[in-house]
Amino acid sequence: QVQLVESGGGLVQAGGSLTLSCAASGSIASINTMGWYRQAPGKLREFVAGITRSGTTNYAGSVKGRFTISRDNAKNMVYLQMTSLKLEDTAVYYCNAEIQSTATFVLRNYWGQGTQVTVSS
């Protein structure tokens, strides 16, 4: 079994900072791209940031310059450092990863349960 668990969400004032973490665990053979998505109330889930195993990053335009994604391959973890937070960043943030499990050796997309980030004025 493979599992993604997010942590670090919470309530923060506009302009503040927050760092999210996501740990992948279980029968993992390898992890390719890892990333973060978010879903605000009444909206579709949207891409926030992604990072390849080699460290190449990609960001949504709305967060570029404010958010930084990073990963620790040795620990199977991905992070999202969020700064200059805005009210519109309020959402449930989901961790996503392309993982090859030792059970099937098939590359599959996995999702975490999500962590709430609320930005207040």
PDB file of N, CA and C in Angstrom:
ATOM      1  N   GLN A   1       0.833  -1.185   0.000  1.00  0.00           N
ATOM      2  CA  GLN A   1       0.000   0.000   0.000  1.00  0.00           C
ATOM      3  C   GLN A   1       0.873   1.242   0.000  1.00  0.00           C
ATOM      4  N   VAL A   2       0.435   2.251  -0.721  1.00  0.00           N
ATOM      5  CA  VAL A   2       1.128   3.528  -0.778  1.00  0.00           C
ATOM      6  C   VAL A   2       0.212   4.593  -0.212  1.00  0.00           C
ATOM      7  N   GLN A   3       0.780   5.488   0.555  1.00  0.00           N
ATOM      8  CA  GLN A   3      -0.008   6.523   1.193  1.00  0.00           C
ATOM      9  C   GLN A   3       0.716   7.856   1.126  1.00  0.00           C
ATOM     10  N   LEU A   4      -0.059   8.915   0.911  1.00  0.00           N
ATOM     11  CA  LEU A   4       0.451  10.290   0.970  1.00  0.00           C
ATOM     12  C   LEU A   4      -0.256  10.995   2.113  1.00  0.00           C
ATOM     13  N   VAL A   5       0.512  11.627   2.994  1.00  0.00           N
ATOM     14  CA  VAL A   5      -0.066  12.319   4.136  1.00  0.00           C
ATOM     15  C   VAL A   5       0.475  13.745   4.180  1.00  0.00           C
ATOM     16  N   GLU A   6      -0.448  14.706   4.106  1.00  0.00           N
ATOM     17  CA  GLU A   6      -0.080  16.121   4.174  1.00  0.00           C
ATOM     18  C   GLU A   6      -0.123  16.604   5.610  1.00  0.00           C
ATOM     19  N   SER A   7       0.649  17.665   5.873  1.00  0.00           N
ATOM     20  CA  SER A   7       0.613  18.338   7.169  1.00  0.00           C
ATOM     21  C   SER A   7       1.037  19.788   6.972  1.00  0.00           C
ATOM     22  N   GLY A   8       0.725  20.604   7.967  1.00  0.00           N
ATOM     23  CA  GLY A   8       1.182  21.983   7.942  1.00  0.00           C
ATOM     24  C   GLY A   8       0.130  23.012   7.613  1.00  0.00           C
ATOM     25  N   GLY A   9      -1.067  22.581   7.299  1.00  0.00           N
ATOM     26  CA  GLY A   9      -2.114  23.549   7.017  1.00  0.00           C
ATOM     27  C   GLY A   9      -2.554  24.281   8.259  1.00  0.00           C
ATOM     28  N   GLY A  10      -3.354  25.330   8.063  1.00  0.00           N
ATOM     29  CA  GLY A  10      -3.844  26.085   9.213  1.00  0.00           C
ATOM     30  C   GLY A  10      -4.390  27.421   8.810  1.00  0.00           C
ATOM     31  N   LEU A  11      -4.543  28.276   9.819  1.00  0.00           N
ATOM     32  CA  LEU A  11      -5.077  29.621   9.632  1.00  0.00           C
ATOM     33  C   LEU A  11      -3.930  30.624   9.683  1.00  0.00           C
ATOM     34  N   VAL A  12      -3.889  31.504   8.707  1.00  0.00           N
ATOM     35  CA  VAL A  12      -2.822  32.496   8.640  1.00  0.00           C
ATOM     36  C   VAL A  12      -3.396  33.802   8.121  1.00  0.00           C
ATOM     37  N   GLN A  13      -2.832  34.903   8.562  1.00  0.00           N
ATOM     38  CA  GLN A  13      -3.297  36.200   8.086  1.00  0.00           C
ATOM     39  C   GLN A  13      -2.745  36.493   6.691  1.00  0.00           C
ATOM     40  N   ALA A  14      -3.474  37.298   5.974  1.00  0.00           N
ATOM     41  CA  ALA A  14      -3.018  37.714   4.654  1.00  0.00           C
ATOM     42  C   ALA A  14      -1.639  38.347   4.763  1.00  0.00           C
ATOM     43  N   GLY A  15      -0.766  37.984   3.826  1.00  0.00           N
ATOM     44  CA  GLY A  15       0.604  38.469   3.877  1.00  0.00           C
ATOM     45  C   GLY A  15       1.541  37.546   4.617  1.00  0.00           C
ATOM     46  N   GLY A  16       0.985  36.582   5.312  1.00  0.00           N
ATOM     47  CA  GLY A  16       1.778  35.667   6.103  1.00  0.00           C
ATOM     48  C   GLY A  16       2.314  34.500   5.286  1.00  0.00           C
ATOM     49  N   SER A  17       2.963  33.583   6.005  1.00  0.00           N
ATOM     50  CA  SER A  17       3.600  32.434   5.364  1.00  0.00           C
ATOM     51  C   SER A  17       3.179  31.136   6.029  1.00  0.00           C
ATOM     52  N   LEU A  18       3.276  30.083   5.268  1.00  0.00           N
ATOM     53  CA  LEU A  18       2.936  28.739   5.761  1.00  0.00           C
ATOM     54  C   LEU A  18       3.686  27.730   4.903  1.00  0.00           C
ATOM     55  N   THR A  19       4.132  26.646   5.519  1.00  0.00           N
ATOM     56  CA  THR A  19       4.804  25.593   4.766  1.00  0.00           C
ATOM     57  C   THR A  19       4.059  24.285   4.922  1.00  0.00           C
ATOM     58  N   LEU A  20       3.714  23.685   3.804  1.00  0.00           N
ATOM     59  CA  LEU A  20       3.049  22.390   3.794  1.00  0.00           C
ATOM     60  C   LEU A  20       4.075  21.284   3.551  1.00  0.00           C
ATOM     61  N   SER A  21       3.830  20.139   4.144  1.00  0.00           N
ATOM     62  CA  SER A  21       4.684  18.971   3.931  1.00  0.00           C
ATOM     63  C   SER A  21       3.828  17.803   3.502  1.00  0.00           C
ATOM     64  N   CYS A  22       4.425  16.901   2.752  1.00  0.00           N
ATOM     65  CA  CYS A  22       3.721  15.694   2.325  1.00  0.00           C
ATOM     66  C   CYS A  22       4.708  14.539   2.361  1.00  0.00           C
ATOM     67  N   ALA A  23       4.330  13.491   3.056  1.00  0.00           N
ATOM     68  CA  ALA A  23       5.182  12.315   3.180  1.00  0.00           C
ATOM     69  C   ALA A  23       4.552  11.142   2.445  1.00  0.00           C
ATOM     70  N   ALA A  24       5.331  10.526   1.587  1.00  0.00           N
ATOM     71  CA  ALA A  24       4.901   9.317   0.900  1.00  0.00           C
ATOM     72  C   ALA A  24       5.465   8.122   1.642  1.00  0.00           C
ATOM     73  N   SER A  25       4.624   7.126   1.876  1.00  0.00           N
ATOM     74  CA  SER A  25       5.076   5.950   2.603  1.00  0.00           C
ATOM     75  C   SER A  25       4.443   4.696   2.034  1.00  0.00           C
ATOM     76  N   GLY A  26       5.001   3.558   2.414  1.00  0.00           N
ATOM     77  CA  GLY A  26       4.457   2.286   1.958  1.00  0.00           C
ATOM     78  C   GLY A  26       5.429   1.567   1.041  1.00  0.00           C
ATOM     79  N   SER A  27       4.875   0.726   0.205  1.00  0.00           N
ATOM     80  CA  SER A  27       5.678  -0.119  -0.679  1.00  0.00           C
ATOM     81  C   SER A  27       6.053   0.643  -1.948  1.00  0.00           C
ATOM     82  N   ILE A  28       7.046   1.517  -1.805  1.00  0.00           N
ATOM     83  CA  ILE A  28       7.435   2.423  -2.888  1.00  0.00           C
ATOM     84  C   ILE A  28       8.708   1.948  -3.568  1.00  0.00           C
ATOM     85  N   ALA A  29       8.627   1.790  -4.868  1.00  0.00           N
ATOM     86  CA  ALA A  29       9.814   1.462  -5.647  1.00  0.00           C
ATOM     87  C   ALA A  29      10.495   2.747  -6.125  1.00  0.00           C
ATOM     88  N   SER A  30       9.695   3.674  -6.636  1.00  0.00           N
ATOM     89  CA  SER A  30      10.239   4.953  -7.081  1.00  0.00           C
ATOM     90  C   SER A  30       9.128   5.984  -7.155  1.00  0.00           C
ATOM     91  N   ILE A  31       9.534   7.249  -7.086  1.00  0.00           N
ATOM     92  CA  ILE A  31       8.587   8.361  -7.191  1.00  0.00           C
ATOM     93  C   ILE A  31       9.041   9.288  -8.294  1.00  0.00           C
ATOM     94  N   ASN A  32       8.180   9.563  -9.239  1.00  0.00           N
ATOM     95  CA  ASN A  32       8.504  10.498 -10.305  1.00  0.00           C
ATOM     96  C   ASN A  32       8.085  11.902  -9.877  1.00  0.00           C
ATOM     97  N   THR A  33       7.232  12.522 -10.625  1.00  0.00           N
ATOM     98  CA  THR A  33       6.814  13.882 -10.325  1.00  0.00           C
ATOM     99  C   THR A  33       5.963  13.932  -9.061  1.00  0.00           C
ATOM    100  N   MET A  34       6.217  14.941  -8.247  1.00  0.00           N
ATOM    101  CA  MET A  34       5.395  15.223  -7.073  1.00  0.00           C
ATOM    102  C   MET A  34       4.835  16.627  -7.219  1.00  0.00           C
ATOM    103  N   GLY A  35       3.697  16.864  -6.612  1.00  0.00           N
ATOM    104  CA  GLY A  35       3.125  18.192  -6.770  1.00  0.00           C
ATOM    105  C   GLY A  35       2.048  18.505  -5.774  1.00  0.00           C
ATOM    106  N   TRP A  36       1.562  19.732  -5.881  1.00  0.00           N
ATOM    107  CA  TRP A  36       0.480  20.222  -5.039  1.00  0.00           C
ATOM    108  C   TRP A  36      -0.645  20.764  -5.905  1.00  0.00           C
ATOM    109  N   TYR A  37      -1.858  20.463  -5.490  1.00  0.00           N
ATOM    110  CA  TYR A  37      -3.072  20.988  -6.090  1.00  0.00           C
ATOM    111  C   TYR A  37      -3.911  21.594  -4.978  1.00  0.00           C
ATOM    112  N   ARG A  38      -4.879  22.397  -5.360  1.00  0.00           N
ATOM    113  CA  ARG A  38      -5.770  22.961  -4.349  1.00  0.00           C
ATOM    114  C   ARG A  38      -7.181  23.064  -4.885  1.00  0.00           C
ATOM    115  N   GLN A  39      -8.123  23.060  -3.953  1.00  0.00           N
ATOM    116  CA  GLN A  39      -9.527  23.175  -4.324  1.00  0.00           C
ATOM    117  C   GLN A  39     -10.223  24.104  -3.342  1.00  0.00           C
ATOM    118  N   ALA A  40     -10.689  25.216  -3.867  1.00  0.00           N
ATOM    119  CA  ALA A  40     -11.442  26.178  -3.064  1.00  0.00           C
ATOM    120  C   ALA A  40     -12.922  25.813  -3.098  1.00  0.00           C
ATOM    121  N   PRO A  41     -13.698  26.265  -2.129  1.00  0.00           N
ATOM    122  CA  PRO A  41     -15.131  25.946  -2.110  1.00  0.00           C
ATOM    123  C   PRO A  41     -15.828  26.370  -3.398  1.00  0.00           C
ATOM    124  N   GLY A  42     -16.555  25.447  -3.977  1.00  0.00           N
ATOM    125  CA  GLY A  42     -17.309  25.747  -5.186  1.00  0.00           C
ATOM    126  C   GLY A  42     -16.487  25.797  -6.458  1.00  0.00           C
ATOM    127  N   LYS A  43     -15.206  25.456  -6.354  1.00  0.00           N
ATOM    128  CA  LYS A  43     -14.334  25.501  -7.534  1.00  0.00           C
ATOM    129  C   LYS A  43     -13.723  24.140  -7.809  1.00  0.00           C
ATOM    130  N   LEU A  44     -13.216  23.983  -9.010  1.00  0.00           N
ATOM    131  CA  LEU A  44     -12.546  22.754  -9.391  1.00  0.00           C
ATOM    132  C   LEU A  44     -11.143  22.701  -8.784  1.00  0.00           C
ATOM    133  N   ARG A  45     -10.648  21.494  -8.625  1.00  0.00           N
ATOM    134  CA  ARG A  45      -9.280  21.338  -8.152  1.00  0.00           C
ATOM    135  C   ARG A  45      -8.331  21.874  -9.222  1.00  0.00           C
ATOM    136  N   GLU A  46      -7.324  22.643  -8.781  1.00  0.00           N
ATOM    137  CA  GLU A  46      -6.404  23.240  -9.733  1.00  0.00           C
ATOM    138  C   GLU A  46      -4.964  22.949  -9.357  1.00  0.00           C
ATOM    139  N   PHE A  47      -4.114  22.939 -10.369  1.00  0.00           N
ATOM    140  CA  PHE A  47      -2.681  22.720 -10.198  1.00  0.00           C
ATOM    141  C   PHE A  47      -2.065  23.945  -9.520  1.00  0.00           C
ATOM    142  N   VAL A  48      -1.147  23.662  -8.574  1.00  0.00           N
ATOM    143  CA  VAL A  48      -0.436  24.740  -7.901  1.00  0.00           C
ATOM    144  C   VAL A  48       1.047  24.717  -8.275  1.00  0.00           C
ATOM    145  N   ALA A  49       1.684  23.576  -8.058  1.00  0.00           N
ATOM    146  CA  ALA A  49       3.120  23.471  -8.316  1.00  0.00           C
ATOM    147  C   ALA A  49       3.502  22.010  -8.462  1.00  0.00           C
ATOM    148  N   GLY A  50       4.553  21.778  -9.251  1.00  0.00           N
ATOM    149  CA  GLY A  50       5.046  20.419  -9.445  1.00  0.00           C
ATOM    150  C   GLY A  50       6.556  20.406  -9.487  1.00  0.00           C
ATOM    151  N   ILE A  51       7.141  19.240  -9.176  1.00  0.00           N
ATOM    152  CA  ILE A  51       8.596  19.110  -9.192  1.00  0.00           C
ATOM    153  C   ILE A  51       8.957  17.700  -9.628  1.00  0.00           C
ATOM    154  N   THR A  52       9.871  17.614 -10.574  1.00  0.00           N
ATOM    155  CA  THR A  52      10.317  16.312 -11.037  1.00  0.00           C
ATOM    156  C   THR A  52      11.348  15.723 -10.075  1.00  0.00           C
ATOM    157  N   ARG A  53      11.698  14.498 -10.291  1.00  0.00           N
ATOM    158  CA  ARG A  53      12.672  13.849  -9.414  1.00  0.00           C
ATOM    159  C   ARG A  53      14.027  14.559  -9.461  1.00  0.00           C
ATOM    160  N   SER A  54      14.347  15.101 -10.602  1.00  0.00           N
ATOM    161  CA  SER A  54      15.618  15.804 -10.757  1.00  0.00           C
ATOM    162  C   SER A  54      15.561  17.241 -10.270  1.00  0.00           C
ATOM    163  N   GLY A  55      14.375  17.717  -9.897  1.00  0.00           N
ATOM    164  CA  GLY A  55      14.271  19.042  -9.299  1.00  0.00           C
ATOM    165  C   GLY A  55      13.725  20.135 -10.193  1.00  0.00           C
ATOM    166  N   THR A  56      13.307  19.801 -11.376  1.00  0.00           N
ATOM    167  CA  THR A  56      12.699  20.811 -12.245  1.00  0.00           C
ATOM    168  C   THR A  56      11.316  21.160 -11.718  1.00  0.00           C
ATOM    169  N   THR A  57      11.058  22.462 -11.583  1.00  0.00           N
ATOM    170  CA  THR A  57       9.803  22.905 -10.988  1.00  0.00           C
ATOM    171  C   THR A  57       8.904  23.596 -12.007  1.00  0.00           C
ATOM    172  N   ASN A  58       7.631  23.629 -11.660  1.00  0.00           N
ATOM    173  CA  ASN A  58       6.624  24.274 -12.497  1.00  0.00           C
ATOM    174  C   ASN A  58       5.561  24.844 -11.576  1.00  0.00           C
ATOM    175  N   TYR A  59       5.083  26.056 -11.879  1.00  0.00           N
ATOM    176  CA  TYR A  59       4.127  26.723 -11.007  1.00  0.00           C
ATOM    177  C   TYR A  59       2.941  27.271 -11.782  1.00  0.00           C
ATOM    178  N   ALA A  60       1.807  27.325 -11.126  1.00  0.00           N
ATOM    179  CA  ALA A  60       0.675  28.042 -11.678  1.00  0.00           C
ATOM    180  C   ALA A  60       1.003  29.531 -11.650  1.00  0.00           C
ATOM    181  N   GLY A  61       0.476  30.247 -12.612  1.00  0.00           N
ATOM    182  CA  GLY A  61       0.776  31.670 -12.695  1.00  0.00           C
ATOM    183  C   GLY A  61       0.370  32.444 -11.457  1.00  0.00           C
ATOM    184  N   SER A  62      -0.697  32.001 -10.812  1.00  0.00           N
ATOM    185  CA  SER A  62      -1.227  32.732  -9.667  1.00  0.00           C
ATOM    186  C   SER A  62      -0.336  32.644  -8.426  1.00  0.00           C
ATOM    187  N   VAL A  63       0.582  31.683  -8.402  1.00  0.00           N
ATOM    188  CA  VAL A  63       1.427  31.513  -7.220  1.00  0.00           C
ATOM    189  C   VAL A  63       2.901  31.741  -7.524  1.00  0.00           C
ATOM    190  N   LYS A  64       3.230  31.916  -8.773  1.00  0.00           N
ATOM    191  CA  LYS A  64       4.635  32.064  -9.158  1.00  0.00           C
ATOM    192  C   LYS A  64       5.237  33.284  -8.465  1.00  0.00           C
ATOM    193  N   GLY A  65       6.404  33.083  -7.879  1.00  0.00           N
ATOM    194  CA  GLY A  65       7.058  34.161  -7.157  1.00  0.00           C
ATOM    195  C   GLY A  65       6.680  34.234  -5.683  1.00  0.00           C
ATOM    196  N   ARG A  66       5.623  33.532  -5.295  1.00  0.00           N
ATOM    197  CA  ARG A  66       5.183  33.527  -3.885  1.00  0.00           C
ATOM    198  C   ARG A  66       5.344  32.149  -3.242  1.00  0.00           C
ATOM    199  N   PHE A  67       5.153  31.103  -4.028  1.00  0.00           N
ATOM    200  CA  PHE A  67       5.252  29.733  -3.510  1.00  0.00           C
ATOM    201  C   PHE A  67       6.516  29.067  -4.040  1.00  0.00           C
ATOM    202  N   THR A  68       7.083  28.182  -3.229  1.00  0.00           N
ATOM    203  CA  THR A  68       8.255  27.423  -3.636  1.00  0.00           C
ATOM    204  C   THR A  68       8.045  25.958  -3.300  1.00  0.00           C
ATOM    205  N   ILE A  69       8.193  25.110  -4.302  1.00  0.00           N
ATOM    206  CA  ILE A  69       8.073  23.680  -4.082  1.00  0.00           C
ATOM    207  C   ILE A  69       9.469  23.069  -4.022  1.00  0.00           C
ATOM    208  N   SER A  70       9.625  22.098  -3.140  1.00  0.00           N
ATOM    209  CA  SER A  70      10.900  21.395  -3.026  1.00  0.00           C
ATOM    210  C   SER A  70      10.617  19.955  -2.601  1.00  0.00           C
ATOM    211  N   ARG A  71      11.621  19.112  -2.707  1.00  0.00           N
ATOM    212  CA  ARG A  71      11.422  17.725  -2.316  1.00  0.00           C
ATOM    213  C   ARG A  71      12.701  17.140  -1.750  1.00  0.00           C
ATOM    214  N   ASP A  72      12.544  16.110  -0.953  1.00  0.00           N
ATOM    215  CA  ASP A  72      13.663  15.364  -0.384  1.00  0.00           C
ATOM    216  C   ASP A  72      13.490  13.924  -0.852  1.00  0.00           C
ATOM    217  N   ASN A  73      14.251  13.522  -1.851  1.00  0.00           N
ATOM    218  CA  ASN A  73      14.075  12.192  -2.426  1.00  0.00           C
ATOM    219  C   ASN A  73      14.424  11.087  -1.428  1.00  0.00           C
ATOM    220  N   ALA A  74      15.371  11.354  -0.569  1.00  0.00           N
ATOM    221  CA  ALA A  74      15.782  10.338   0.404  1.00  0.00           C
ATOM    222  C   ALA A  74      14.679  10.050   1.417  1.00  0.00           C
ATOM    223  N   LYS A  75      13.864  11.082   1.696  1.00  0.00           N
ATOM    224  CA  LYS A  75      12.792  10.929   2.686  1.00  0.00           C
ATOM    225  C   LYS A  75      11.425  10.754   2.032  1.00  0.00           C
ATOM    226  N   ASN A  76      11.379  10.758   0.707  1.00  0.00           N
ATOM    227  CA  ASN A  76      10.092  10.656  -0.021  1.00  0.00           C
ATOM    228  C   ASN A  76       9.124  11.753   0.420  1.00  0.00           C
ATOM    229  N   MET A  77       9.626  12.966   0.486  1.00  0.00           N
ATOM    230  CA  MET A  77       8.795  14.080   0.929  1.00  0.00           C
ATOM    231  C   MET A  77       8.813  15.223  -0.072  1.00  0.00           C
ATOM    232  N   VAL A  78       7.726  15.961  -0.095  1.00  0.00           N
ATOM    233  CA  VAL A  78       7.618  17.156  -0.905  1.00  0.00           C
ATOM    234  C   VAL A  78       7.067  18.267  -0.015  1.00  0.00           C
ATOM    235  N   TYR A  79       7.533  19.482  -0.272  1.00  0.00           N
ATOM    236  CA  TYR A  79       7.163  20.632   0.539  1.00  0.00           C
ATOM    237  C   TYR A  79       6.613  21.748  -0.344  1.00  0.00           C
ATOM    238  N   LEU A  80       5.793  22.594   0.258  1.00  0.00           N
ATOM    239  CA  LEU A  80       5.317  23.782  -0.431  1.00  0.00           C
ATOM    240  C   LEU A  80       5.434  24.959   0.532  1.00  0.00           C
ATOM    241  N   GLN A  81       6.403  25.813   0.266  1.00  0.00           N
ATOM    242  CA  GLN A  81       6.577  27.013   1.073  1.00  0.00           C
ATOM    243  C   GLN A  81       5.740  28.120   0.448  1.00  0.00           C
ATOM    244  N   MET A  82       4.826  28.644   1.237  1.00  0.00           N
ATOM    245  CA  MET A  82       3.900  29.665   0.729  1.00  0.00           C
ATOM    246  C   MET A  82       4.149  30.977   1.460  1.00  0.00           C
ATOM    247  N   THR A  83       4.400  32.030   0.716  1.00  0.00           N
ATOM    248  CA  THR A  83       4.627  33.354   1.296  1.00  0.00           C
ATOM    249  C   THR A  83       3.673  34.351   0.667  1.00  0.00           C
ATOM    250  N   SER A  84       3.584  35.523   1.271  1.00  0.00           N
ATOM    251  CA  SER A  84       2.698  36.585   0.780  1.00  0.00           C
ATOM    252  C   SER A  84       1.308  36.032   0.477  1.00  0.00           C
ATOM    253  N   LEU A  85       0.779  35.286   1.409  1.00  0.00           N
ATOM    254  CA  LEU A  85      -0.499  34.618   1.184  1.00  0.00           C
ATOM    255  C   LEU A  85      -1.633  35.617   1.012  1.00  0.00           C
ATOM    256  N   LYS A  86      -2.552  35.281   0.116  1.00  0.00           N
ATOM    257  CA  LYS A  86      -3.691  36.125  -0.191  1.00  0.00           C
ATOM    258  C   LYS A  86      -4.985  35.391   0.201  1.00  0.00           C
ATOM    259  N   LEU A  87      -6.044  36.150   0.330  1.00  0.00           N
ATOM    260  CA  LEU A  87      -7.332  35.559   0.679  1.00  0.00           C
ATOM    261  C   LEU A  87      -7.709  34.458  -0.315  1.00  0.00           C
ATOM    262  N   GLU A  88      -7.386  34.694  -1.582  1.00  0.00           N
ATOM    263  CA  GLU A  88      -7.762  33.743  -2.625  1.00  0.00           C
ATOM    264  C   GLU A  88      -6.922  32.466  -2.614  1.00  0.00           C
ATOM    265  N   ASP A  89      -5.942  32.389  -1.744  1.00  0.00           N
ATOM    266  CA  ASP A  89      -5.179  31.145  -1.581  1.00  0.00           C
ATOM    267  C   ASP A  89      -5.892  30.166  -0.652  1.00  0.00           C
ATOM    268  N   THR A  90      -6.960  30.614  -0.040  1.00  0.00           N
ATOM    269  CA  THR A  90      -7.725  29.730   0.847  1.00  0.00           C
ATOM    270  C   THR A  90      -8.283  28.547   0.071  1.00  0.00           C
ATOM    271  N   ALA A  91      -7.963  27.353   0.537  1.00  0.00           N
ATOM    272  CA  ALA A  91      -8.389  26.136  -0.168  1.00  0.00           C
ATOM    273  C   ALA A  91      -7.926  24.915   0.618  1.00  0.00           C
ATOM    274  N   VAL A  92      -8.396  23.765   0.189  1.00  0.00           N
ATOM    275  CA  VAL A  92      -7.818  22.510   0.654  1.00  0.00           C
ATOM    276  C   VAL A  92      -6.687  22.173  -0.309  1.00  0.00           C
ATOM    277  N   TYR A  93      -5.516  21.938   0.241  1.00  0.00           N
ATOM    278  CA  TYR A  93      -4.341  21.642  -0.573  1.00  0.00           C
ATOM    279  C   TYR A  93      -4.069  20.140  -0.561  1.00  0.00           C
ATOM    280  N   TYR A  94      -3.903  19.602  -1.759  1.00  0.00           N
ATOM    281  CA  TYR A  94      -3.698  18.163  -1.917  1.00  0.00           C
ATOM    282  C   TYR A  94      -2.309  17.865  -2.467  1.00  0.00           C
ATOM    283  N   CYS A  95      -1.681  16.874  -1.902  1.00  0.00           N
ATOM    284  CA  CYS A  95      -0.407  16.378  -2.403  1.00  0.00           C
ATOM    285  C   CYS A  95      -0.693  15.319  -3.471  1.00  0.00           C
ATOM    286  N   ASN A  96       0.140  15.310  -4.493  1.00  0.00           N
ATOM    287  CA  ASN A  96      -0.016  14.366  -5.585  1.00  0.00           C
ATOM    288  C   ASN A  96       1.356  13.812  -5.961  1.00  0.00           C
ATOM    289  N   ALA A  97       1.402  12.531  -6.317  1.00  0.00           N
ATOM    290  CA  ALA A  97       2.678  11.946  -6.712  1.00  0.00           C
ATOM    291  C   ALA A  97       2.470  10.781  -7.661  1.00  0.00           C
ATOM    292  N   GLU A  98       3.396  10.664  -8.594  1.00  0.00           N
ATOM    293  CA  GLU A  98       3.417   9.518  -9.499  1.00  0.00           C
ATOM    294  C   GLU A  98       4.358   8.492  -8.884  1.00  0.00           C
ATOM    295  N   ILE A  99       3.796   7.378  -8.453  1.00  0.00           N
ATOM    296  CA  ILE A  99       4.561   6.414  -7.685  1.00  0.00           C
ATOM    297  C   ILE A  99       4.481   5.035  -8.307  1.00  0.00           C
ATOM    298  N   GLN A 100       5.639   4.405  -8.332  1.00  0.00           N
ATOM    299  CA  GLN A 100       5.721   3.012  -8.765  1.00  0.00           C
ATOM    300  C   GLN A 100       5.837   2.167  -7.500  1.00  0.00           C
ATOM    301  N   SER A 101       4.848   1.347  -7.259  1.00  0.00           N
ATOM    302  CA  SER A 101       4.873   0.536  -6.041  1.00  0.00           C
ATOM    303  C   SER A 101       5.650  -0.752  -6.282  1.00  0.00           C
ATOM    304  N   THR A 102       6.145  -1.323  -5.203  1.00  0.00           N
ATOM    305  CA  THR A 102       6.860  -2.594  -5.311  1.00  0.00           C
ATOM    306  C   THR A 102       5.902  -3.752  -5.545  1.00  0.00           C
ATOM    307  N   ALA A 103       4.621  -3.519  -5.338  1.00  0.00           N
ATOM    308  CA  ALA A 103       3.629  -4.587  -5.525  1.00  0.00           C
ATOM    309  C   ALA A 103       3.358  -4.844  -7.002  1.00  0.00           C
ATOM    310  N   THR A 104       3.222  -3.750  -7.759  1.00  0.00           N
ATOM    311  CA  THR A 104       2.827  -3.909  -9.167  1.00  0.00           C
ATOM    312  C   THR A 104       3.874  -3.392 -10.144  1.00  0.00           C
ATOM    313  N   PHE A 105       4.751  -2.518  -9.673  1.00  0.00           N
ATOM    314  CA  PHE A 105       5.732  -1.832 -10.528  1.00  0.00           C
ATOM    315  C   PHE A 105       5.059  -1.071 -11.667  1.00  0.00           C
ATOM    316  N   VAL A 106       3.809  -0.721 -11.462  1.00  0.00           N
ATOM    317  CA  VAL A 106       3.072   0.114 -12.412  1.00  0.00           C
ATOM    318  C   VAL A 106       3.051   1.533 -11.873  1.00  0.00           C
ATOM    319  N   LEU A 107       3.346   2.506 -12.728  1.00  0.00           N
ATOM    320  CA  LEU A 107       3.338   3.907 -12.306  1.00  0.00           C
ATOM    321  C   LEU A 107       1.896   4.372 -12.155  1.00  0.00           C
ATOM    322  N   ARG A 108       1.590   4.891 -10.993  1.00  0.00           N
ATOM    323  CA  ARG A 108       0.212   5.305 -10.718  1.00  0.00           C
ATOM    324  C   ARG A 108       0.194   6.642 -10.027  1.00  0.00           C
ATOM    325  N   ASN A 109      -0.907   7.351 -10.181  1.00  0.00           N
ATOM    326  CA  ASN A 109      -1.089   8.647  -9.538  1.00  0.00           C
ATOM    327  C   ASN A 109      -1.734   8.456  -8.164  1.00  0.00           C
ATOM    328  N   TYR A 110      -1.147   9.045  -7.152  1.00  0.00           N
ATOM    329  CA  TYR A 110      -1.684   8.949  -5.799  1.00  0.00           C
ATOM    330  C   TYR A 110      -1.997  10.345  -5.278  1.00  0.00           C
ATOM    331  N   TRP A 111      -3.004  10.424  -4.413  1.00  0.00           N
ATOM    332  CA  TRP A 111      -3.424  11.684  -3.805  1.00  0.00           C
ATOM    333  C   TRP A 111      -3.442  11.548  -2.286  1.00  0.00           C
ATOM    334  N   GLY A 112      -3.114  12.649  -1.625  1.00  0.00           N
ATOM    335  CA  GLY A 112      -3.292  12.712  -0.187  1.00  0.00           C
ATOM    336  C   GLY A 112      -4.717  13.089   0.142  1.00  0.00           C
ATOM    337  N   GLN A 113      -5.004  13.143   1.444  1.00  0.00           N
ATOM    338  CA  GLN A 113      -6.364  13.462   1.901  1.00  0.00           C
ATOM    339  C   GLN A 113      -6.632  14.951   1.902  1.00  0.00           C
ATOM    340  N   GLY A 114      -5.607  15.749   1.845  1.00  0.00           N
ATOM    341  CA  GLY A 114      -5.783  17.193   1.810  1.00  0.00           C
ATOM    342  C   GLY A 114      -5.577  17.845   3.164  1.00  0.00           C
ATOM    343  N   THR A 115      -5.121  19.086   3.136  1.00  0.00           N
ATOM    344  CA  THR A 115      -4.962  19.877   4.352  1.00  0.00           C
ATOM    345  C   THR A 115      -5.512  21.281   4.089  1.00  0.00           C
ATOM    346  N   GLN A 116      -6.266  21.781   5.036  1.00  0.00           N
ATOM    347  CA  GLN A 116      -6.938  23.067   4.860  1.00  0.00           C
ATOM    348  C   GLN A 116      -5.980  24.226   5.119  1.00  0.00           C
ATOM    349  N   VAL A 117      -5.978  25.168   4.206  1.00  0.00           N
ATOM    350  CA  VAL A 117      -5.257  26.429   4.390  1.00  0.00           C
ATOM    351  C   VAL A 117      -6.292  27.550   4.317  1.00  0.00           C
ATOM    352  N   THR A 118      -6.366  28.334   5.366  1.00  0.00           N
ATOM    353  CA  THR A 118      -7.306  29.445   5.412  1.00  0.00           C
ATOM    354  C   THR A 118      -6.541  30.734   5.636  1.00  0.00           C
ATOM    355  N   VAL A 119      -6.719  31.680   4.721  1.00  0.00           N
ATOM    356  CA  VAL A 119      -6.065  32.976   4.828  1.00  0.00           C
ATOM    357  C   VAL A 119      -7.118  34.003   5.222  1.00  0.00           C
ATOM    358  N   SER A 120      -6.877  34.701   6.322  1.00  0.00           N
ATOM    359  CA  SER A 120      -7.847  35.670   6.834  1.00  0.00           C
ATOM    360  C   SER A 120      -7.339  37.087   6.633  1.00  0.00           C
ATOM    361  N   SER A 121      -8.269  38.018   6.615  1.00  0.00           N
ATOM    362  CA  SER A 121      -7.902  39.433   6.420  1.00  0.00           C
ATOM    363  C   SER A 121      -7.573  40.112   7.728  1.00  0.00           C
TER     364      SER A 121
END
